[in-house]
Amino acid sequence: MSARTETDVAHVAAAIGDPSRAKVLLALAGGGALSAGALAAEAGVSNSTISGHLAKLREARLLTVELDGRHRYYRIATTDVARALEQLALIARPLPVRSLNADTRAKALLRARLCFDHLAGRLGVAVMDALRDEGFLAAEGAPPGEAPPGDAAGDTAYVLTPHGHRELGRFGVDTDRLPRRRATVRYCVDWAEQRHHLAGSLGAALTARMFALEWLRHGKYRRVVRLTEAGRAGLASTFGVPNSQLS
């Protein structure tokens, strides 16, 4: 077996680099699946043009396709693709806002959104902070309840504490039964807040539970989520998220 060589970053970067293809990927970054027609509308191109873009994204292994009868639906290939998009957004310049609707959507995305299958934005960061502050998670190199040493947006390894395991079980997230095909506790550096939000299988399970309890609902715009009054009260009482961070 030959040794693994350097990866072809240029090939993937070229696939992402086209503005229309970038819009396709961002439309799917919330973890859902969309038809080619819906993605054409998101990208602002014709139905005939979108097929070429989707082919390039599939060839670069950034998208997968699912068949439902005669219909095809596209989704982000892996959580690593969504994670890479979030990291690219850290160094990308913001797009200009040219309409009231675009401004409203941008503010909603900053407030609370999905990053593939977990919570992001100011709300996601607030939940991550509370999980650490209340001792559900501990950062390596720092006692439970304390911030990690150095830059909070730098490299940090978090672990689930016995307290977190117990309390999350009471909340309805059985951490012993989380999928093992991905890391239990991971984080993304949130591109808007420049701080951590919770990813991994725990982040996905926690977000799914909040939707099941109707603490979260899908918003008007794609990827945007809305915190309900029940969610506001629940996050404060269950995880200690300050009300000042839930606006």
C-alpha atoms as a PDB file:
ATOM      1  CA  MET A   1       0.000   0.000   0.000  1.00  0.00           C
ATOM      2  CA  SER A   2       1.432   3.386  -0.976  1.00  0.00           C
ATOM      3  CA  ALA A   3       1.854   6.105   1.625  1.00  0.00           C
ATOM      4  CA  ARG A   4      -0.742   8.858   1.720  1.00  0.00           C
ATOM      5  CA  THR A   5       0.456  11.953  -0.114  1.00  0.00           C
ATOM      6  CA  GLU A   6      -0.412  15.586   0.484  1.00  0.00           C
ATOM      7  CA  THR A   7      -4.102  16.350   0.017  1.00  0.00           C
ATOM      8  CA  ASP A   8      -5.421  18.194  -3.024  1.00  0.00           C
ATOM      9  CA  VAL A   9      -6.671  21.290  -1.231  1.00  0.00           C
ATOM     10  CA  ALA A  10      -6.786  23.273  -4.490  1.00  0.00           C
ATOM     11  CA  HIS A  11      -9.363  20.913  -5.985  1.00  0.00           C
ATOM     12  CA  VAL A  12     -11.747  21.327  -3.056  1.00  0.00           C
ATOM     13  CA  ALA A  13     -11.090  25.072  -2.850  1.00  0.00           C
ATOM     14  CA  ALA A  14     -11.926  25.458  -6.553  1.00  0.00           C
ATOM     15  CA  ALA A  15     -15.217  23.611  -6.035  1.00  0.00           C
ATOM     16  CA  ILE A  16     -16.165  25.897  -3.157  1.00  0.00           C
ATOM     17  CA  GLY A  17     -14.733  29.036  -4.737  1.00  0.00           C
ATOM     18  CA  ASP A  18     -17.477  29.723  -7.256  1.00  0.00           C
ATOM     19  CA  PRO A  19     -20.034  32.124  -5.665  1.00  0.00           C
ATOM     20  CA  SER A  20     -23.027  30.077  -6.849  1.00  0.00           C
ATOM     21  CA  ARG A  21     -21.578  26.848  -5.474  1.00  0.00           C
ATOM     22  CA  ALA A  22     -20.741  28.576  -2.195  1.00  0.00           C
ATOM     23  CA  LYS A  23     -24.386  29.635  -1.900  1.00  0.00           C
ATOM     24  CA  VAL A  24     -25.459  26.019  -2.494  1.00  0.00           C
ATOM     25  CA  LEU A  25     -23.193  24.774   0.284  1.00  0.00           C
ATOM     26  CA  LEU A  26     -24.313  27.447   2.719  1.00  0.00           C
ATOM     27  CA  ALA A  27     -27.965  26.689   1.962  1.00  0.00           C
ATOM     28  CA  LEU A  28     -27.305  23.082   2.967  1.00  0.00           C
ATOM     29  CA  ALA A  29     -25.075  23.886   5.939  1.00  0.00           C
ATOM     30  CA  GLY A  30     -28.005  23.498   8.327  1.00  0.00           C
ATOM     31  CA  GLY A  31     -28.065  19.757   7.680  1.00  0.00           C
ATOM     32  CA  GLY A  32     -31.186  19.527   5.514  1.00  0.00           C
ATOM     33  CA  ALA A  33     -31.653  18.153   2.005  1.00  0.00           C
ATOM     34  CA  LEU A  34     -32.912  20.226  -0.940  1.00  0.00           C
ATOM     35  CA  SER A  35     -33.868  19.572  -4.526  1.00  0.00           C
ATOM     36  CA  ALA A  36     -31.913  20.930  -7.461  1.00  0.00           C
ATOM     37  CA  GLY A  37     -34.688  23.431  -8.148  1.00  0.00           C
ATOM     38  CA  ALA A  38     -34.592  24.778  -4.605  1.00  0.00           C
ATOM     39  CA  LEU A  39     -30.809  25.049  -4.750  1.00  0.00           C
ATOM     40  CA  ALA A  40     -31.011  26.873  -8.075  1.00  0.00           C
ATOM     41  CA  ALA A  41     -33.240  29.445  -6.401  1.00  0.00           C
ATOM     42  CA  GLU A  42     -30.826  29.753  -3.461  1.00  0.00           C
ATOM     43  CA  ALA A  43     -27.871  30.241  -5.812  1.00  0.00           C
ATOM     44  CA  GLY A  44     -29.721  32.588  -8.143  1.00  0.00           C
ATOM     45  CA  VAL A  45     -29.085  30.493 -11.261  1.00  0.00           C
ATOM     46  CA  SER A  46     -31.256  28.612 -13.735  1.00  0.00           C
ATOM     47  CA  ASN A  47     -32.276  24.975 -13.354  1.00  0.00           C
ATOM     48  CA  SER A  48     -30.094  24.078 -16.327  1.00  0.00           C
ATOM     49  CA  THR A  49     -27.044  25.785 -14.799  1.00  0.00           C
ATOM     50  CA  ILE A  50     -27.394  24.274 -11.320  1.00  0.00           C
ATOM     51  CA  SER A  51     -26.837  20.731 -12.591  1.00  0.00           C
ATOM     52  CA  GLY A  52     -23.244  21.555 -13.542  1.00  0.00           C
ATOM     53  CA  HIS A  53     -22.567  23.142 -10.172  1.00  0.00           C
ATOM     54  CA  LEU A  54     -24.031  20.159  -8.311  1.00  0.00           C
ATOM     55  CA  ALA A  55     -21.928  17.770 -10.392  1.00  0.00           C
ATOM     56  CA  LYS A  56     -18.741  19.633  -9.453  1.00  0.00           C
ATOM     57  CA  LEU A  57     -19.665  19.626  -5.759  1.00  0.00           C
ATOM     58  CA  ARG A  58     -20.425  15.920  -5.844  1.00  0.00           C
ATOM     59  CA  GLU A  59     -17.192  15.196  -7.722  1.00  0.00           C
ATOM     60  CA  ALA A  60     -15.301  17.046  -4.969  1.00  0.00           C
ATOM     61  CA  ARG A  61     -17.163  14.868  -2.411  1.00  0.00           C
ATOM     62  CA  LEU A  62     -18.765  17.881  -0.782  1.00  0.00           C
ATOM     63  CA  LEU A  63     -22.345  16.786  -1.507  1.00  0.00           C
ATOM     64  CA  THR A  64     -24.253  13.524  -1.592  1.00  0.00           C
ATOM     65  CA  VAL A  65     -27.514  12.826  -3.381  1.00  0.00           C
ATOM     66  CA  GLU A  66     -30.525  10.898  -2.110  1.00  0.00           C
ATOM     67  CA  LEU A  67     -33.168   9.383  -4.376  1.00  0.00           C
ATOM     68  CA  ASP A  68     -36.862   9.547  -3.482  1.00  0.00           C
ATOM     69  CA  GLY A  69     -38.738   8.005  -6.377  1.00  0.00           C
ATOM     70  CA  ARG A  70     -38.003  10.184  -9.384  1.00  0.00           C
ATOM     71  CA  HIS A  71     -36.759  13.038  -7.241  1.00  0.00           C
ATOM     72  CA  ARG A  72     -33.211  13.810  -6.139  1.00  0.00           C
ATOM     73  CA  TYR A  73     -32.284  15.637  -2.981  1.00  0.00           C
ATOM     74  CA  TYR A  74     -28.838  16.965  -2.143  1.00  0.00           C
ATOM     75  CA  ARG A  75     -27.190  17.358   1.239  1.00  0.00           C
ATOM     76  CA  ILE A  76     -23.778  18.117   2.757  1.00  0.00           C
ATOM     77  CA  ALA A  77     -21.674  14.960   2.513  1.00  0.00           C
ATOM     78  CA  THR A  78     -20.230  14.907   6.053  1.00  0.00           C
ATOM     79  CA  THR A  79     -20.082  16.908   9.248  1.00  0.00           C
ATOM     80  CA  ASP A  80     -16.466  17.735   8.345  1.00  0.00           C
ATOM     81  CA  VAL A  81     -17.681  19.634   5.269  1.00  0.00           C
ATOM     82  CA  ALA A  82     -20.032  21.728   7.393  1.00  0.00           C
ATOM     83  CA  ARG A  83     -17.240  22.276   9.900  1.00  0.00           C
ATOM     84  CA  ALA A  84     -14.885  23.417   7.139  1.00  0.00           C
ATOM     85  CA  LEU A  85     -17.471  25.922   5.895  1.00  0.00           C
ATOM     86  CA  GLU A  86     -17.830  27.343   9.398  1.00  0.00           C
ATOM     87  CA  GLN A  87     -14.052  27.686   9.673  1.00  0.00           C
ATOM     88  CA  LEU A  88     -13.761  29.357   6.265  1.00  0.00           C
ATOM     89  CA  ALA A  89     -16.335  31.891   7.405  1.00  0.00           C
ATOM     90  CA  LEU A  90     -13.909  32.933  10.166  1.00  0.00           C
ATOM     91  CA  ILE A  91     -11.510  34.406   7.612  1.00  0.00           C
ATOM     92  CA  ALA A  92     -13.993  35.489   4.946  1.00  0.00           C
ATOM     93  CA  ARG A  93     -15.106  39.074   4.476  1.00  0.00           C
ATOM     94  CA  PRO A  94     -18.804  39.745   5.203  1.00  0.00           C
ATOM     95  CA  LEU A  95     -21.108  40.053   2.219  1.00  0.00           C
ATOM     96  CA  PRO A  96     -22.613  43.502   1.679  1.00  0.00           C
ATOM     97  CA  VAL A  97     -26.233  43.857   2.841  1.00  0.00           C
ATOM     98  CA  ARG A  98     -28.303  45.466   0.104  1.00  0.00           C
ATOM     99  CA  SER A  99     -31.888  45.109   1.319  1.00  0.00           C
ATOM    100  CA  LEU A 100     -33.985  45.177   4.460  1.00  0.00           C
ATOM    101  CA  ASN A 101     -34.764  41.472   4.021  1.00  0.00           C
ATOM    102  CA  ALA A 102     -31.058  40.622   3.745  1.00  0.00           C
ATOM    103  CA  ASP A 103     -30.340  42.675   6.869  1.00  0.00           C
ATOM    104  CA  THR A 104     -33.099  40.892   8.815  1.00  0.00           C
ATOM    105  CA  ARG A 105     -31.818  37.486   7.683  1.00  0.00           C
ATOM    106  CA  ALA A 106     -28.206  38.339   8.574  1.00  0.00           C
ATOM    107  CA  LYS A 107     -29.173  39.427  12.087  1.00  0.00           C
ATOM    108  CA  ALA A 108     -31.254  36.271  12.572  1.00  0.00           C
ATOM    109  CA  LEU A 109     -28.300  34.077  11.524  1.00  0.00           C
ATOM    110  CA  LEU A 110     -26.041  35.855  13.982  1.00  0.00           C
ATOM    111  CA  ARG A 111     -28.559  35.350  16.774  1.00  0.00           C
ATOM    112  CA  ALA A 112     -29.238  31.606  16.405  1.00  0.00           C
ATOM    113  CA  ARG A 113     -28.697  29.172  13.534  1.00  0.00           C
ATOM    114  CA  LEU A 114     -27.887  25.568  12.766  1.00  0.00           C
ATOM    115  CA  CYS A 115     -24.337  24.553  11.914  1.00  0.00           C
ATOM    116  CA  PHE A 116     -25.178  21.252  10.189  1.00  0.00           C
ATOM    117  CA  ASP A 117     -26.996  19.511  13.081  1.00  0.00           C
ATOM    118  CA  HIS A 118     -26.017  21.587  16.107  1.00  0.00           C
ATOM    119  CA  LEU A 119     -26.750  25.016  17.527  1.00  0.00           C
ATOM    120  CA  ALA A 120     -24.595  28.001  16.582  1.00  0.00           C
ATOM    121  CA  GLY A 121     -24.641  31.782  16.724  1.00  0.00           C
ATOM    122  CA  ARG A 122     -24.887  33.823  19.919  1.00  0.00           C
ATOM    123  CA  LEU A 123     -27.330  31.305  21.375  1.00  0.00           C
ATOM    124  CA  GLY A 124     -25.046  28.354  20.625  1.00  0.00           C
ATOM    125  CA  VAL A 125     -22.094  30.107  22.241  1.00  0.00           C
ATOM    126  CA  ALA A 126     -24.202  31.007  25.295  1.00  0.00           C
ATOM    127  CA  VAL A 127     -25.212  27.364  25.733  1.00  0.00           C
ATOM    128  CA  MET A 128     -21.586  26.231  25.389  1.00  0.00           C
ATOM    129  CA  ASP A 129     -20.474  28.801  27.985  1.00  0.00           C
ATOM    130  CA  ALA A 130     -23.178  27.636  30.399  1.00  0.00           C
ATOM    131  CA  LEU A 131     -22.285  23.964  29.971  1.00  0.00           C
ATOM    132  CA  ARG A 132     -18.720  24.789  30.919  1.00  0.00           C
ATOM    133  CA  ASP A 133     -19.596  27.248  33.685  1.00  0.00           C
ATOM    134  CA  GLU A 134     -22.083  24.824  35.281  1.00  0.00           C
ATOM    135  CA  GLY A 135     -19.598  21.941  35.164  1.00  0.00           C
ATOM    136  CA  PHE A 136     -21.262  19.838  32.443  1.00  0.00           C
ATOM    137  CA  LEU A 137     -18.076  20.116  30.368  1.00  0.00           C
ATOM    138  CA  ALA A 138     -14.491  20.624  31.443  1.00  0.00           C
ATOM    139  CA  ALA A 139     -11.687  21.994  29.309  1.00  0.00           C
ATOM    140  CA  GLU A 140      -8.420  20.111  29.552  1.00  0.00           C
ATOM    141  CA  GLY A 141      -5.985  22.228  31.492  1.00  0.00           C
ATOM    142  CA  ALA A 142      -8.749  24.043  33.413  1.00  0.00           C
ATOM    143  CA  PRO A 143     -10.894  22.936  36.384  1.00  0.00           C
ATOM    144  CA  PRO A 144     -14.636  22.386  35.722  1.00  0.00           C
ATOM    145  CA  GLY A 145     -16.458  25.694  35.552  1.00  0.00           C
ATOM    146  CA  GLU A 146     -13.411  27.672  34.465  1.00  0.00           C
ATOM    147  CA  ALA A 147     -12.473  28.945  31.027  1.00  0.00           C
ATOM    148  CA  PRO A 148      -9.702  27.174  29.111  1.00  0.00           C
ATOM    149  CA  PRO A 149      -6.255  28.728  29.422  1.00  0.00           C
ATOM    150  CA  GLY A 150      -5.202  31.210  26.777  1.00  0.00           C
ATOM    151  CA  ASP A 151      -7.353  32.250  23.855  1.00  0.00           C
ATOM    152  CA  ALA A 152     -10.903  30.885  24.271  1.00  0.00           C
ATOM    153  CA  ALA A 153     -11.143  30.499  20.506  1.00  0.00           C
ATOM    154  CA  GLY A 154      -7.941  28.484  20.269  1.00  0.00           C
ATOM    155  CA  ASP A 155      -7.312  24.745  20.402  1.00  0.00           C
ATOM    156  CA  THR A 156      -9.077  23.210  23.408  1.00  0.00           C
ATOM    157  CA  ALA A 157     -10.148  19.681  24.247  1.00  0.00           C
ATOM    158  CA  TYR A 158     -13.395  19.403  26.203  1.00  0.00           C
ATOM    159  CA  VAL A 159     -14.576  16.359  28.126  1.00  0.00           C
ATOM    160  CA  LEU A 160     -17.978  15.480  29.534  1.00  0.00           C
ATOM    161  CA  THR A 161     -17.898  15.435  33.342  1.00  0.00           C
ATOM    162  CA  PRO A 162     -19.726  12.916  35.573  1.00  0.00           C
ATOM    163  CA  HIS A 163     -22.040  15.774  36.595  1.00  0.00           C
ATOM    164  CA  GLY A 164     -22.739  16.519  32.932  1.00  0.00           C
ATOM    165  CA  HIS A 165     -23.390  12.852  32.161  1.00  0.00           C
ATOM    166  CA  ARG A 166     -25.879  12.618  35.015  1.00  0.00           C
ATOM    167  CA  GLU A 167     -27.707  15.887  34.379  1.00  0.00           C
ATOM    168  CA  LEU A 168     -27.922  15.421  30.614  1.00  0.00           C
ATOM    169  CA  GLY A 169     -29.449  11.990  31.245  1.00  0.00           C
ATOM    170  CA  ARG A 170     -32.126  13.657  33.346  1.00  0.00           C
ATOM    171  CA  PHE A 171     -32.690  16.125  30.532  1.00  0.00           C
ATOM    172  CA  GLY A 172     -33.296  13.266  28.095  1.00  0.00           C
ATOM    173  CA  VAL A 173     -29.904  12.928  26.404  1.00  0.00           C
ATOM    174  CA  ASP A 174     -28.431   9.490  27.117  1.00  0.00           C
ATOM    175  CA  THR A 175     -24.736  10.098  26.563  1.00  0.00           C
ATOM    176  CA  ASP A 176     -24.029   6.346  26.699  1.00  0.00           C
ATOM    177  CA  ARG A 177     -26.090   5.827  23.548  1.00  0.00           C
ATOM    178  CA  LEU A 178     -24.671   8.594  21.383  1.00  0.00           C
ATOM    179  CA  PRO A 179     -23.374   7.481  17.951  1.00  0.00           C
ATOM    180  CA  ARG A 180     -19.720   6.465  18.121  1.00  0.00           C
ATOM    181  CA  ARG A 181     -18.997   7.182  14.449  1.00  0.00           C
ATOM    182  CA  ARG A 182     -18.121  10.755  15.437  1.00  0.00           C
ATOM    183  CA  ALA A 183     -16.540  12.366  18.465  1.00  0.00           C
ATOM    184  CA  THR A 184     -18.878  12.868  21.415  1.00  0.00           C
ATOM    185  CA  VAL A 185     -17.616  16.329  22.334  1.00  0.00           C
ATOM    186  CA  ARG A 186     -16.265  18.639  19.687  1.00  0.00           C
ATOM    187  CA  TYR A 187     -16.585  22.335  19.078  1.00  0.00           C
ATOM    188  CA  CYS A 188     -16.604  24.788  16.217  1.00  0.00           C
ATOM    189  CA  VAL A 189     -15.156  28.249  16.540  1.00  0.00           C
ATOM    190  CA  ASP A 190     -18.269  30.267  15.756  1.00  0.00           C
ATOM    191  CA  TRP A 191     -17.538  32.559  12.819  1.00  0.00           C
ATOM    192  CA  ALA A 192     -19.740  35.344  14.171  1.00  0.00           C
ATOM    193  CA  GLU A 193     -18.799  35.194  17.855  1.00  0.00           C
ATOM    194  CA  GLN A 194     -15.175  34.005  17.490  1.00  0.00           C
ATOM    195  CA  ARG A 195     -15.820  31.635  20.388  1.00  0.00           C
ATOM    196  CA  HIS A 196     -16.779  27.991  20.798  1.00  0.00           C
ATOM    197  CA  HIS A 197     -20.158  26.415  20.195  1.00  0.00           C
ATOM    198  CA  LEU A 198     -20.796  22.750  20.915  1.00  0.00           C
ATOM    199  CA  ALA A 199     -20.549  20.268  18.031  1.00  0.00           C
ATOM    200  CA  GLY A 200     -20.001  16.501  17.879  1.00  0.00           C
ATOM    201  CA  SER A 201     -22.642  13.884  18.634  1.00  0.00           C
ATOM    202  CA  LEU A 202     -23.422  15.576  21.955  1.00  0.00           C
ATOM    203  CA  GLY A 203     -24.096  18.914  20.274  1.00  0.00           C
ATOM    204  CA  ALA A 204     -26.393  17.210  17.762  1.00  0.00           C
ATOM    205  CA  ALA A 205     -28.290  15.265  20.451  1.00  0.00           C
ATOM    206  CA  LEU A 206     -28.704  18.321  22.661  1.00  0.00           C
ATOM    207  CA  THR A 207     -30.051  20.370  19.761  1.00  0.00           C
ATOM    208  CA  ALA A 208     -32.434  17.581  18.713  1.00  0.00           C
ATOM    209  CA  ARG A 209     -33.750  17.353  22.284  1.00  0.00           C
ATOM    210  CA  MET A 210     -34.382  21.101  22.384  1.00  0.00           C
ATOM    211  CA  PHE A 211     -36.381  20.843  19.169  1.00  0.00           C
ATOM    212  CA  ALA A 212     -38.345  17.879  20.575  1.00  0.00           C
ATOM    213  CA  LEU A 213     -39.233  19.940  23.667  1.00  0.00           C
ATOM    214  CA  GLU A 214     -40.140  22.894  21.406  1.00  0.00           C
ATOM    215  CA  TRP A 215     -37.521  25.022  23.061  1.00  0.00           C
ATOM    216  CA  LEU A 216     -36.298  25.674  19.519  1.00  0.00           C
ATOM    217  CA  ARG A 217     -38.262  26.086  16.312  1.00  0.00           C
ATOM    218  CA  HIS A 218     -37.139  26.605  12.756  1.00  0.00           C
ATOM    219  CA  GLY A 219     -37.159  30.251  11.766  1.00  0.00           C
ATOM    220  CA  LYS A 220     -38.378  32.057   8.694  1.00  0.00           C
ATOM    221  CA  TYR A 221     -35.023  31.794   6.931  1.00  0.00           C
ATOM    222  CA  ARG A 222     -33.035  28.692   6.057  1.00  0.00           C
ATOM    223  CA  ARG A 223     -30.714  27.570   8.906  1.00  0.00           C
ATOM    224  CA  VAL A 224     -32.213  30.134  11.305  1.00  0.00           C
ATOM    225  CA  VAL A 225     -33.701  28.832  14.560  1.00  0.00           C
ATOM    226  CA  ARG A 226     -35.941  30.640  17.012  1.00  0.00           C
ATOM    227  CA  LEU A 227     -35.858  30.318  20.795  1.00  0.00           C
ATOM    228  CA  THR A 228     -39.343  29.937  22.285  1.00  0.00           C
ATOM    229  CA  GLU A 229     -40.511  31.205  25.667  1.00  0.00           C
ATOM    230  CA  ALA A 230     -40.381  27.615  26.945  1.00  0.00           C
ATOM    231  CA  GLY A 231     -36.808  27.405  25.668  1.00  0.00           C
ATOM    232  CA  ARG A 232     -35.855  30.663  27.328  1.00  0.00           C
ATOM    233  CA  ALA A 233     -37.133  29.419  30.694  1.00  0.00           C
ATOM    234  CA  GLY A 234     -35.706  25.927  30.187  1.00  0.00           C
ATOM    235  CA  LEU A 235     -32.210  27.023  29.244  1.00  0.00           C
ATOM    236  CA  ALA A 236     -32.077  29.286  32.285  1.00  0.00           C
ATOM    237  CA  SER A 237     -33.368  26.704  34.781  1.00  0.00           C
ATOM    238  CA  THR A 238     -31.701  23.568  33.348  1.00  0.00           C
ATOM    239  CA  PHE A 239     -28.346  24.847  32.148  1.00  0.00           C
ATOM    240  CA  GLY A 240     -27.999  28.205  33.867  1.00  0.00           C
ATOM    241  CA  VAL A 241     -27.910  30.266  30.669  1.00  0.00           C
ATOM    242  CA  PRO A 242     -28.319  33.900  31.833  1.00  0.00           C
ATOM    243  CA  ASN A 243     -31.415  35.662  30.517  1.00  0.00           C
ATOM    244  CA  SER A 244     -29.169  38.486  29.359  1.00  0.00           C
ATOM    245  CA  GLN A 245     -27.674  36.089  26.786  1.00  0.00           C
ATOM    246  CA  LEU A 246     -31.038  34.850  25.478  1.00  0.00           C
ATOM    247  CA  SER A 247     -32.141  37.996  23.645  1.00  0.00           C
END
